[in-house]
Amino acid sequence: MTSSTATPQLLALDWGTSSLRAFLLRDGQIIDTRYSPHGIQHLPEAGIAGFEAAFRQIAGDWLERWPQLPVVACGMVGSAQGWREAPYVRCPANVQALASQSVTVPSGFGPDILIAPGVLLDDPDQLPDVMRGEEIQIAGALLQNPHWAKRCCIVLPGTHSKWVQIENGRIVNFATYMTGELFAVLKKHSILGRLLPETPPASTNNEAFELGLASARDSSPGDFPHQIFATRTLGLAGRLPHGALADYLSGLLIGYELISGLAQAQEETPLILIGDPALCQRYVQSLTYLGKPNCTVLDNTAPAGLWDLATAAGLLA
């Protein structure tokens, strides 16, 4: 079905830092979707007017056609830099807790928008951590696969990768790894980038990537800074071609993330990856190399999670 043949029941917004995605949903299924580059750092204008303008541009005609359509949103739109801050829910948290502590903001036209909060982990025995947006993707994954709700480990690779422990439908623990951002910073703003080609090769050098994984796997405490510098020296010594050095660095950073993340996950716990298919495939390759071949990959589950949020909030009949 499409929006021309079916009446939607919900307008869902996945509103991040760099982009905005809008979905029309019926019975939990997408019937239409749109993309906009107007993330919270790229609004048409500053302040509240910029949020209102971005929302009107992406969904104005939908709401003219269906003016009573409920609207929910997740992501950085609910951060301190967003449209309205939705304070963090403390861990452990489930979708009912998220719904109960969501906030509303006037849209400037049409219905108010319900904005989901993030999740805060603040256990005195470990470092604090936060997520904002991933909790809705997790809710969507569990809605679509309820057999995972009892216990699973959900991994969301990306700029700030998340490793999330689920028990009885609740987020009970999680850890963030700045893997993607660290790769970008080292590549663009350190001496390592001097040997890297401006245009990346079209394909991955698996030998270099697996060398990075092996270096992380076989490391001793304190080896990490030395192994990072090897991104440069492997090129200077002619051990790797310059075009393969970024793959070594990628394998090293992902390898360290996986070793730490797997140490927190129970041995028989189902492992689920959610995110960009190409990036998830690189994580699948890495997990297989490190002896953890069995995992499930899901694409974007945020629309299903927003549907679950709206249901928990009582917006849907």
Protein backbone atom coordinates (compact mmCIF):
# COMPACT_ATOMS: atom_id res chain seq x y z
CA MET A 1 0.00 0.00 0.00
CA THR A 2 0.99 3.65 -0.45
CA SER A 3 -0.39 6.90 0.94
CA SER A 4 -2.51 7.21 -2.20
CA THR A 5 -4.38 3.97 -1.47
CA ALA A 6 -4.36 3.74 2.35
CA THR A 7 -5.20 6.15 5.16
CA PRO A 8 -2.24 6.49 7.55
CA GLN A 9 -2.66 6.25 11.31
CA LEU A 10 0.63 7.83 12.38
CA LEU A 11 3.26 10.31 11.19
CA ALA A 12 6.66 9.27 12.59
CA LEU A 13 9.85 11.37 12.50
CA ASP A 14 13.39 10.06 12.91
CA TRP A 15 15.14 13.40 13.43
CA GLY A 16 18.88 13.28 13.90
CA THR A 17 21.83 15.63 13.77
CA SER A 18 22.38 15.58 10.01
CA SER A 19 19.08 14.40 8.53
CA LEU A 20 15.34 14.03 9.00
CA ARG A 21 13.23 11.09 7.88
CA ALA A 22 9.44 11.06 7.91
CA PHE A 23 7.22 7.97 7.70
CA LEU A 24 3.50 7.47 7.25
CA LEU A 25 2.46 4.30 9.07
CA ARG A 26 -0.60 2.12 9.13
CA ASP A 27 -0.87 -1.01 11.28
CA GLY A 28 2.82 -0.58 12.03
CA GLN A 29 3.79 -0.73 8.35
CA ILE A 30 5.39 2.03 6.25
CA ILE A 31 3.11 3.28 3.50
CA ASP A 32 5.17 6.33 2.53
CA THR A 33 8.53 7.83 3.48
CA ARG A 34 10.47 11.02 2.84
CA TYR A 35 14.01 12.26 3.45
CA SER A 36 15.29 15.76 4.24
CA PRO A 37 18.82 17.04 4.94
CA HIS A 38 17.39 19.30 7.67
CA GLY A 39 18.85 17.60 10.71
CA ILE A 40 19.02 19.70 13.85
CA GLN A 41 22.39 21.15 12.79
CA HIS A 42 21.20 21.94 9.25
CA LEU A 43 17.85 23.69 9.71
CA PRO A 44 16.46 26.14 7.12
CA GLU A 45 16.79 28.93 9.72
CA ALA A 46 17.82 29.30 13.34
CA GLY A 47 15.76 28.54 16.41
CA ILE A 48 12.22 27.27 16.76
CA ALA A 49 11.28 28.77 13.40
CA GLY A 50 13.83 26.49 11.74
CA PHE A 51 12.29 23.36 13.28
CA GLU A 52 8.81 24.49 12.26
CA ALA A 53 9.98 25.21 8.71
CA ALA A 54 11.74 21.85 8.35
CA PHE A 55 8.66 20.03 9.65
CA ARG A 56 6.32 21.94 7.35
CA GLN A 57 8.52 21.25 4.32
CA ILE A 58 8.64 17.50 4.86
CA ALA A 59 5.10 16.87 6.11
CA GLY A 60 2.94 19.94 5.44
CA ASP A 61 0.93 18.45 2.58
CA TRP A 62 0.42 15.22 4.52
CA LEU A 63 -1.11 17.11 7.44
CA GLU A 64 -3.26 19.23 5.13
CA ARG A 65 -4.70 15.96 3.86
CA TRP A 66 -4.89 14.26 7.30
CA PRO A 67 -5.00 17.12 9.86
CA GLN A 68 -5.80 14.83 12.83
CA LEU A 69 -2.84 12.53 12.26
CA PRO A 70 -0.83 12.00 15.50
CA VAL A 71 2.88 12.79 15.24
CA VAL A 72 5.79 11.23 17.16
CA ALA A 73 9.52 11.90 16.89
CA CYS A 74 12.79 10.48 18.17
CA GLY A 75 16.46 11.33 17.98
CA MET A 76 18.46 14.49 18.58
CA VAL A 77 15.33 16.61 18.09
CA GLY A 78 14.74 15.85 21.78
CA SER A 79 18.25 16.82 22.91
CA ALA A 80 19.28 20.03 24.65
CA GLN A 81 20.12 21.38 21.16
CA GLY A 82 16.83 20.14 19.70
CA TRP A 83 13.32 21.51 19.34
CA ARG A 84 12.48 20.73 22.95
CA GLU A 85 14.57 18.74 25.39
CA ALA A 86 13.13 15.39 26.49
CA PRO A 87 15.11 14.48 29.63
CA TYR A 88 16.73 11.05 29.80
CA VAL A 89 14.91 8.07 31.29
CA ARG A 90 17.11 6.20 33.74
CA CYS A 91 18.14 2.64 32.93
CA PRO A 92 16.55 0.05 33.12
CA ALA A 93 13.99 1.33 30.62
CA ASN A 94 11.37 -0.01 28.24
CA VAL A 95 9.00 1.61 25.75
CA GLN A 96 6.36 2.22 28.43
CA ALA A 97 8.87 4.25 30.44
CA LEU A 98 9.85 6.17 27.31
CA ALA A 99 6.21 6.95 26.54
CA SER A 100 5.46 8.09 30.08
CA GLN A 101 8.33 10.59 30.03
CA SER A 102 7.98 11.88 26.47
CA VAL A 103 7.37 15.59 25.93
CA THR A 104 5.20 17.49 23.46
CA VAL A 105 6.00 20.54 21.39
CA PRO A 106 3.64 22.66 19.23
CA SER A 107 4.37 22.01 15.58
CA GLY A 108 3.49 25.52 14.42
CA PHE A 109 0.61 24.07 12.45
CA GLY A 110 -1.50 20.98 12.84
CA PRO A 111 -1.06 18.59 15.79
CA ASP A 112 1.54 18.74 18.57
CA ILE A 113 4.55 16.44 18.26
CA LEU A 114 5.35 13.83 20.90
CA ILE A 115 9.13 13.60 21.34
CA ALA A 116 10.74 10.51 22.86
CA PRO A 117 13.36 10.83 25.60
CA GLY A 118 16.77 9.19 25.54
CA VAL A 119 18.12 6.70 28.10
CA LEU A 120 20.68 7.36 30.83
CA LEU A 121 22.86 4.69 32.46
CA ASP A 122 24.26 6.02 35.72
CA ASP A 123 25.37 3.10 37.85
CA PRO A 124 27.92 4.16 40.50
CA ASP A 125 29.97 1.02 39.74
CA GLN A 126 30.61 1.98 36.10
CA LEU A 127 31.09 4.98 33.85
CA PRO A 128 27.86 6.78 32.92
CA ASP A 129 26.48 6.47 29.40
CA VAL A 130 23.63 7.86 27.30
CA MET A 131 21.71 7.10 24.13
CA ARG A 132 19.19 9.13 22.17
CA GLY A 133 17.43 7.59 19.17
CA GLU A 134 18.85 4.09 19.50
CA GLU A 135 16.28 3.25 22.21
CA ILE A 136 13.52 3.62 19.60
CA GLN A 137 15.34 1.36 17.13
CA ILE A 138 15.62 -1.18 19.94
CA ALA A 139 11.90 -0.91 20.68
CA GLY A 140 11.18 -1.56 17.00
CA ALA A 141 13.44 -4.61 16.89
CA LEU A 142 11.72 -6.11 19.94
CA LEU A 143 8.25 -5.29 18.59
CA GLN A 144 9.04 -7.15 15.37
CA ASN A 145 10.88 -10.00 17.14
CA PRO A 146 9.26 -10.50 20.58
CA HIS A 147 11.21 -13.73 21.20
CA TRP A 148 14.34 -11.59 21.72
CA ALA A 149 12.75 -9.58 24.53
CA LYS A 150 13.64 -12.10 27.26
CA ARG A 151 17.37 -11.69 26.69
CA CYS A 152 19.57 -10.49 23.84
CA CYS A 153 22.45 -8.20 22.97
CA ILE A 154 21.71 -5.50 20.38
CA VAL A 155 24.59 -3.78 18.58
CA LEU A 156 24.08 -0.53 16.67
CA PRO A 157 27.27 0.19 14.68
CA GLY A 158 27.99 3.76 13.69
CA THR A 159 29.71 6.97 14.64
CA HIS A 160 28.97 6.14 18.27
CA SER A 161 28.35 2.40 18.34
CA LYS A 162 26.10 1.02 21.06
CA TRP A 163 26.20 -2.40 22.71
CA VAL A 164 22.92 -2.87 24.56
CA GLN A 165 21.90 -5.64 26.96
CA ILE A 166 18.18 -6.50 26.94
CA GLU A 167 16.39 -8.47 29.67
CA ASN A 168 12.62 -8.94 29.91
CA GLY A 169 11.99 -6.24 27.32
CA ARG A 170 14.07 -3.62 29.13
CA ILE A 171 17.39 -1.94 28.40
CA VAL A 172 19.36 -2.98 31.48
CA ASN A 173 22.90 -2.00 30.47
CA PHE A 174 24.76 -0.51 27.51
CA ALA A 175 28.10 0.87 26.40
CA THR A 176 29.00 3.43 23.74
CA TYR A 177 32.12 3.13 21.56
CA MET A 178 33.25 6.18 19.54
CA THR A 179 34.56 3.87 16.81
CA GLY A 180 33.30 5.76 13.77
CA GLU A 181 34.15 9.21 15.10
CA LEU A 182 37.61 8.11 16.25
CA PHE A 183 38.32 6.71 12.78
CA ALA A 184 37.27 10.01 11.16
CA VAL A 185 39.29 12.15 13.59
CA LEU A 186 42.45 10.07 13.18
CA LYS A 187 42.09 10.02 9.41
CA LYS A 188 41.41 13.73 8.96
CA HIS A 189 43.15 15.42 11.87
CA SER A 190 46.26 13.39 12.69
CA ILE A 191 49.57 12.51 11.06
CA LEU A 192 48.07 9.15 10.07
CA GLY A 193 46.11 10.80 7.29
CA ARG A 194 49.28 11.96 5.51
CA LEU A 195 49.75 8.56 3.87
CA LEU A 196 46.07 7.87 3.17
CA PRO A 197 44.78 8.58 -0.34
CA GLU A 198 42.25 11.41 -0.66
CA THR A 199 39.91 9.12 -2.58
CA PRO A 200 39.37 5.80 -0.78
CA PRO A 201 39.76 2.60 -2.86
CA ALA A 202 36.54 1.16 -4.25
CA SER A 203 36.88 -2.07 -2.28
CA THR A 204 38.18 -3.19 1.10
CA ASN A 205 41.65 -4.68 1.42
CA ASN A 206 40.67 -7.70 3.52
CA GLU A 207 44.28 -8.60 4.36
CA ALA A 208 44.86 -5.16 5.91
CA PHE A 209 41.48 -5.14 7.64
CA GLU A 210 42.08 -8.56 9.19
CA LEU A 211 45.57 -7.50 10.26
CA GLY A 212 43.88 -4.75 12.26
CA LEU A 213 41.43 -7.24 13.77
CA ALA A 214 44.26 -9.61 14.68
CA SER A 215 46.27 -6.78 16.26
CA ALA A 216 43.31 -5.92 18.49
CA ARG A 217 42.64 -9.58 19.32
CA ASP A 218 46.25 -10.34 20.26
CA SER A 219 46.98 -7.09 22.09
CA SER A 220 48.23 -6.59 25.63
CA PRO A 221 47.14 -3.78 27.97
CA GLY A 222 48.51 -0.45 26.76
CA ASP A 223 49.17 -1.57 23.17
CA PHE A 224 46.42 0.57 21.61
CA PRO A 225 48.34 3.87 21.06
CA HIS A 226 51.29 1.97 19.55
CA GLN A 227 49.03 -0.03 17.25
CA ILE A 228 47.32 3.14 16.04
CA PHE A 229 50.69 4.59 15.04
CA ALA A 230 51.32 1.43 13.02
CA THR A 231 48.78 2.81 10.53
CA ARG A 232 51.65 5.09 9.50
CA THR A 233 54.63 2.79 9.94
CA LEU A 234 53.09 -0.12 8.03
CA GLY A 235 53.01 2.22 5.05
CA LEU A 236 56.46 3.70 5.58
CA ALA A 237 58.01 0.23 5.87
CA GLY A 238 56.23 -0.97 2.75
CA ARG A 239 54.34 -3.66 4.64
CA LEU A 240 50.99 -2.36 3.36
CA PRO A 241 50.16 -0.23 0.32
CA HIS A 242 48.99 3.27 1.22
CA GLY A 243 45.54 2.50 -0.14
CA ALA A 244 45.13 -0.28 2.45
CA LEU A 245 46.16 1.67 5.56
CA ALA A 246 42.65 2.93 6.30
CA ASP A 247 41.41 -0.66 6.25
CA TYR A 248 44.03 -1.61 8.84
CA LEU A 249 42.92 1.28 11.06
CA SER A 250 39.26 0.36 10.59
CA GLY A 251 39.94 -3.26 11.52
CA LEU A 252 41.94 -2.20 14.58
CA LEU A 253 39.22 0.11 15.92
CA ILE A 254 36.35 -2.27 15.18
CA GLY A 255 38.36 -5.13 16.65
CA TYR A 256 38.84 -3.33 19.96
CA GLU A 257 35.14 -2.49 20.08
CA LEU A 258 34.08 -6.08 19.40
CA ILE A 259 36.46 -7.59 21.94
CA SER A 260 35.15 -5.28 24.65
CA GLY A 261 31.52 -5.68 23.62
CA LEU A 262 31.64 -9.45 23.39
CA ALA A 263 33.20 -9.64 26.85
CA GLN A 264 30.04 -8.04 28.24
CA ALA A 265 27.59 -10.26 26.34
CA GLN A 266 26.67 -13.65 27.75
CA GLU A 267 27.90 -16.58 25.67
CA GLU A 268 24.53 -17.93 24.49
CA THR A 269 22.78 -14.57 24.19
CA PRO A 270 21.38 -13.80 20.70
CA LEU A 271 23.40 -11.07 18.97
CA ILE A 272 21.49 -8.60 16.77
CA LEU A 273 22.97 -5.86 14.58
CA ILE A 274 20.87 -2.84 13.56
CA GLY A 275 22.06 -0.21 11.11
CA ASP A 276 23.43 0.56 7.67
CA PRO A 277 23.64 -2.74 5.76
CA ALA A 278 27.19 -2.15 4.44
CA LEU A 279 28.54 -1.24 7.88
CA CYS A 280 26.71 -4.14 9.53
CA GLN A 281 28.24 -6.48 6.96
CA ARG A 282 31.71 -5.28 7.98
CA TYR A 283 30.82 -6.08 11.59
CA VAL A 284 29.55 -9.52 10.56
CA GLN A 285 32.88 -10.14 8.79
CA SER A 286 34.74 -9.02 11.91
CA LEU A 287 32.64 -11.14 14.27
CA THR A 288 33.18 -14.19 12.07
CA TYR A 289 36.94 -13.59 12.06
CA LEU A 290 36.90 -13.34 15.86
CA GLY A 291 34.96 -16.60 16.21
CA LYS A 292 31.41 -15.24 16.67
CA PRO A 293 29.72 -16.08 13.35
CA ASN A 294 26.08 -16.30 14.46
CA CYS A 295 24.26 -12.97 14.47
CA THR A 296 21.18 -11.41 12.89
CA VAL A 297 21.22 -8.17 10.89
CA LEU A 298 18.26 -5.77 10.79
CA ASP A 299 17.86 -2.58 8.75
CA ASN A 300 16.16 0.56 10.08
CA THR A 301 13.76 -0.41 12.89
CA ALA A 302 13.00 3.18 14.00
CA PRO A 303 9.58 3.33 12.27
CA ALA A 304 8.41 0.23 14.13
CA GLY A 305 9.81 1.66 17.36
CA LEU A 306 7.96 4.94 16.86
CA TRP A 307 4.77 2.97 16.24
CA ASP A 308 5.36 1.14 19.52
CA LEU A 309 5.98 4.46 21.30
CA ALA A 310 2.75 5.94 19.94
CA THR A 311 0.83 2.83 21.03
CA ALA A 312 2.32 2.99 24.55
CA ALA A 313 1.50 6.71 24.73
CA GLY A 314 -2.15 6.05 23.85
CA LEU A 315 -2.06 7.92 20.54
CA LEU A 316 -3.41 4.99 18.55
CA ALA A 317 -6.77 3.30 19.01
